[in-house]
Amino acid sequence: MAKIPMMKKVQQIRTLSALWKYRGQLFSMTRAMIRGTYKASFLTMVALIAALLYIISPLDIIPDVVPVIGWMDDGAVMYFLLKRLLYEMQRYEASKSPLKLISK
């Protein structure tokens, strides 16, 4: 039973390290969005804006003045944003590579 919380911690580290590993792709996707050659999904844009506003905002579900617990809700929001960005990067890569039709 003690393995389950450890596995969640490992998955979180993998998410952050995956985003760091593919940071070039993330920057490429961001440039494509700015240029207008790629359109991110509506859910990703809402998640990005909502997460940034929540993290910057002084109003939290658990106030940040509570030392560790107060930062956990910000961390959870950041975790879900990272997962969403990884999904969006997969969508971006799929949109870059055209479908190859097999001719008979």
C-alpha atoms as a PDB file:
ATOM      1  CA  MET A   1       0.000   0.000   0.000  1.00  0.00           C
ATOM      2  CA  ALA A   2       2.893   2.388   0.580  1.00  0.00           C
ATOM      3  CA  LYS A   3       3.850   2.128  -3.081  1.00  0.00           C
ATOM      4  CA  ILE A   4       0.843   4.076  -4.370  1.00  0.00           C
ATOM      5  CA  PRO A   5       1.823   7.536  -3.025  1.00  0.00           C
ATOM      6  CA  MET A   6       5.400   6.957  -4.220  1.00  0.00           C
ATOM      7  CA  MET A   7       4.133   6.090  -7.712  1.00  0.00           C
ATOM      8  CA  LYS A   8       2.149   9.322  -7.858  1.00  0.00           C
ATOM      9  CA  LYS A   9       5.275  11.245  -6.890  1.00  0.00           C
ATOM     10  CA  VAL A  10       7.243   9.488  -9.643  1.00  0.00           C
ATOM     11  CA  GLN A  11       4.531  10.300 -12.205  1.00  0.00           C
ATOM     12  CA  GLN A  12       4.641  13.978 -11.203  1.00  0.00           C
ATOM     13  CA  ILE A  13       8.404  14.064 -11.595  1.00  0.00           C
ATOM     14  CA  ARG A  14       8.049  12.398 -14.987  1.00  0.00           C
ATOM     15  CA  THR A  15       5.560  15.036 -16.090  1.00  0.00           C
ATOM     16  CA  LEU A  16       7.875  17.900 -15.162  1.00  0.00           C
ATOM     17  CA  SER A  17      10.925  16.184 -16.627  1.00  0.00           C
ATOM     18  CA  ALA A  18       9.013  15.404 -19.831  1.00  0.00           C
ATOM     19  CA  LEU A  19       8.107  19.060 -20.195  1.00  0.00           C
ATOM     20  CA  TRP A  20      11.757  19.996 -19.644  1.00  0.00           C
ATOM     21  CA  LYS A  21      12.901  17.326 -22.092  1.00  0.00           C
ATOM     22  CA  TYR A  22      10.587  18.607 -24.812  1.00  0.00           C
ATOM     23  CA  ARG A  23      11.041  22.306 -24.084  1.00  0.00           C
ATOM     24  CA  GLY A  24      12.219  22.931 -27.652  1.00  0.00           C
ATOM     25  CA  GLN A  25       8.987  21.445 -28.946  1.00  0.00           C
ATOM     26  CA  LEU A  26       7.042  23.571 -26.440  1.00  0.00           C
ATOM     27  CA  PHE A  27       8.754  26.728 -27.708  1.00  0.00           C
ATOM     28  CA  SER A  28       8.131  25.658 -31.300  1.00  0.00           C
ATOM     29  CA  MET A  29       4.443  25.123 -30.520  1.00  0.00           C
ATOM     30  CA  THR A  30       4.253  28.528 -28.811  1.00  0.00           C
ATOM     31  CA  ARG A  31       5.856  30.229 -31.838  1.00  0.00           C
ATOM     32  CA  ALA A  32       3.422  28.455 -34.162  1.00  0.00           C
ATOM     33  CA  MET A  33       0.505  29.641 -32.035  1.00  0.00           C
ATOM     34  CA  ILE A  34       1.788  33.238 -32.104  1.00  0.00           C
ATOM     35  CA  ARG A  35       2.294  33.082 -35.869  1.00  0.00           C
ATOM     36  CA  GLY A  36      -1.171  31.607 -36.310  1.00  0.00           C
ATOM     37  CA  THR A  37      -0.043  28.393 -37.991  1.00  0.00           C
ATOM     38  CA  TYR A  38      -1.282  26.239 -35.081  1.00  0.00           C
ATOM     39  CA  LYS A  39      -4.422  26.682 -33.035  1.00  0.00           C
ATOM     40  CA  ALA A  40      -4.414  25.199 -29.548  1.00  0.00           C
ATOM     41  CA  SER A  41      -7.593  23.635 -28.260  1.00  0.00           C
ATOM     42  CA  PHE A  42     -10.059  25.819 -26.399  1.00  0.00           C
ATOM     43  CA  LEU A  43      -9.686  23.686 -23.264  1.00  0.00           C
ATOM     44  CA  THR A  44      -5.912  24.163 -23.250  1.00  0.00           C
ATOM     45  CA  MET A  45      -6.222  27.928 -23.564  1.00  0.00           C
ATOM     46  CA  VAL A  46      -8.809  28.086 -20.772  1.00  0.00           C
ATOM     47  CA  ALA A  47      -6.646  25.845 -18.560  1.00  0.00           C
ATOM     48  CA  LEU A  48      -3.571  27.980 -19.210  1.00  0.00           C
ATOM     49  CA  ILE A  49      -5.283  31.285 -18.443  1.00  0.00           C
ATOM     50  CA  ALA A  50      -7.161  29.913 -15.414  1.00  0.00           C
ATOM     51  CA  ALA A  51      -4.044  28.286 -13.964  1.00  0.00           C
ATOM     52  CA  LEU A  52      -1.924  31.411 -14.354  1.00  0.00           C
ATOM     53  CA  LEU A  53      -4.629  33.585 -12.803  1.00  0.00           C
ATOM     54  CA  TYR A  54      -5.085  31.141  -9.918  1.00  0.00           C
ATOM     55  CA  ILE A  55      -1.365  30.918  -9.172  1.00  0.00           C
ATOM     56  CA  ILE A  56      -0.859  34.696  -9.362  1.00  0.00           C
ATOM     57  CA  SER A  57      -4.054  35.560  -7.483  1.00  0.00           C
ATOM     58  CA  PRO A  58      -3.820  36.159  -3.735  1.00  0.00           C
ATOM     59  CA  LEU A  59      -7.198  34.420  -3.331  1.00  0.00           C
ATOM     60  CA  ASP A  60      -6.735  30.661  -3.014  1.00  0.00           C
ATOM     61  CA  ILE A  61      -8.773  27.731  -1.777  1.00  0.00           C
ATOM     62  CA  ILE A  62      -6.121  27.243   0.904  1.00  0.00           C
ATOM     63  CA  PRO A  63      -4.327  30.531   1.735  1.00  0.00           C
ATOM     64  CA  ASP A  64      -0.603  30.642   0.987  1.00  0.00           C
ATOM     65  CA  VAL A  65       0.155  31.867   4.512  1.00  0.00           C
ATOM     66  CA  VAL A  66      -0.305  28.265   5.699  1.00  0.00           C
ATOM     67  CA  PRO A  67       3.287  27.125   5.082  1.00  0.00           C
ATOM     68  CA  VAL A  68       3.210  23.825   3.181  1.00  0.00           C
ATOM     69  CA  ILE A  69      -0.466  23.070   2.736  1.00  0.00           C
ATOM     70  CA  GLY A  70      -1.116  26.510   1.287  1.00  0.00           C
ATOM     71  CA  TRP A  71       1.245  25.830  -1.598  1.00  0.00           C
ATOM     72  CA  MET A  72      -0.161  22.382  -2.324  1.00  0.00           C
ATOM     73  CA  ASP A  73      -3.233  23.700  -4.123  1.00  0.00           C
ATOM     74  CA  ASP A  74      -1.013  25.856  -6.333  1.00  0.00           C
ATOM     75  CA  GLY A  75       1.124  22.779  -6.999  1.00  0.00           C
ATOM     76  CA  ALA A  76      -1.940  20.732  -7.939  1.00  0.00           C
ATOM     77  CA  VAL A  77      -3.089  23.400 -10.390  1.00  0.00           C
ATOM     78  CA  MET A  78       0.406  23.527 -11.879  1.00  0.00           C
ATOM     79  CA  TYR A  79       0.494  19.723 -12.172  1.00  0.00           C
ATOM     80  CA  PHE A  80      -2.778  19.622 -14.117  1.00  0.00           C
ATOM     81  CA  LEU A  81      -1.549  22.450 -16.350  1.00  0.00           C
ATOM     82  CA  LEU A  82       1.655  20.523 -17.109  1.00  0.00           C
ATOM     83  CA  LYS A  83      -0.357  17.425 -18.001  1.00  0.00           C
ATOM     84  CA  ARG A  84      -2.544  19.508 -20.314  1.00  0.00           C
ATOM     85  CA  LEU A  85       0.495  21.071 -21.993  1.00  0.00           C
ATOM     86  CA  LEU A  86       2.011  17.644 -22.602  1.00  0.00           C
ATOM     87  CA  TYR A  87      -1.239  16.536 -24.238  1.00  0.00           C
ATOM     88  CA  GLU A  88      -1.289  19.685 -26.371  1.00  0.00           C
ATOM     89  CA  MET A  89       2.300  19.076 -27.473  1.00  0.00           C
ATOM     90  CA  GLN A  90       1.282  15.592 -28.622  1.00  0.00           C
ATOM     91  CA  ARG A  91      -1.558  17.162 -30.627  1.00  0.00           C
ATOM     92  CA  TYR A  92       0.903  19.663 -32.107  1.00  0.00           C
ATOM     93  CA  GLU A  93       3.313  16.926 -33.189  1.00  0.00           C
ATOM     94  CA  ALA A  94       0.464  14.961 -34.745  1.00  0.00           C
ATOM     95  CA  SER A  95      -0.645  18.041 -36.689  1.00  0.00           C
ATOM     96  CA  LYS A  96       2.881  18.636 -38.006  1.00  0.00           C
ATOM     97  CA  SER A  97       3.274  15.214 -39.539  1.00  0.00           C
ATOM     98  CA  PRO A  98       0.933  14.736 -42.484  1.00  0.00           C
ATOM     99  CA  LEU A  99      -0.926  11.469 -42.805  1.00  0.00           C
ATOM    100  CA  LYS A 100       0.816   9.117 -45.165  1.00  0.00           C
ATOM    101  CA  LEU A 101      -1.599   7.381 -47.455  1.00  0.00           C
ATOM    102  CA  ILE A 102      -0.614   3.962 -48.632  1.00  0.00           C
ATOM    103  CA  SER A 103      -1.278   3.565 -52.322  1.00  0.00           C
ATOM    104  CA  LYS A 104      -2.006   0.124 -53.688  1.00  0.00           C
END
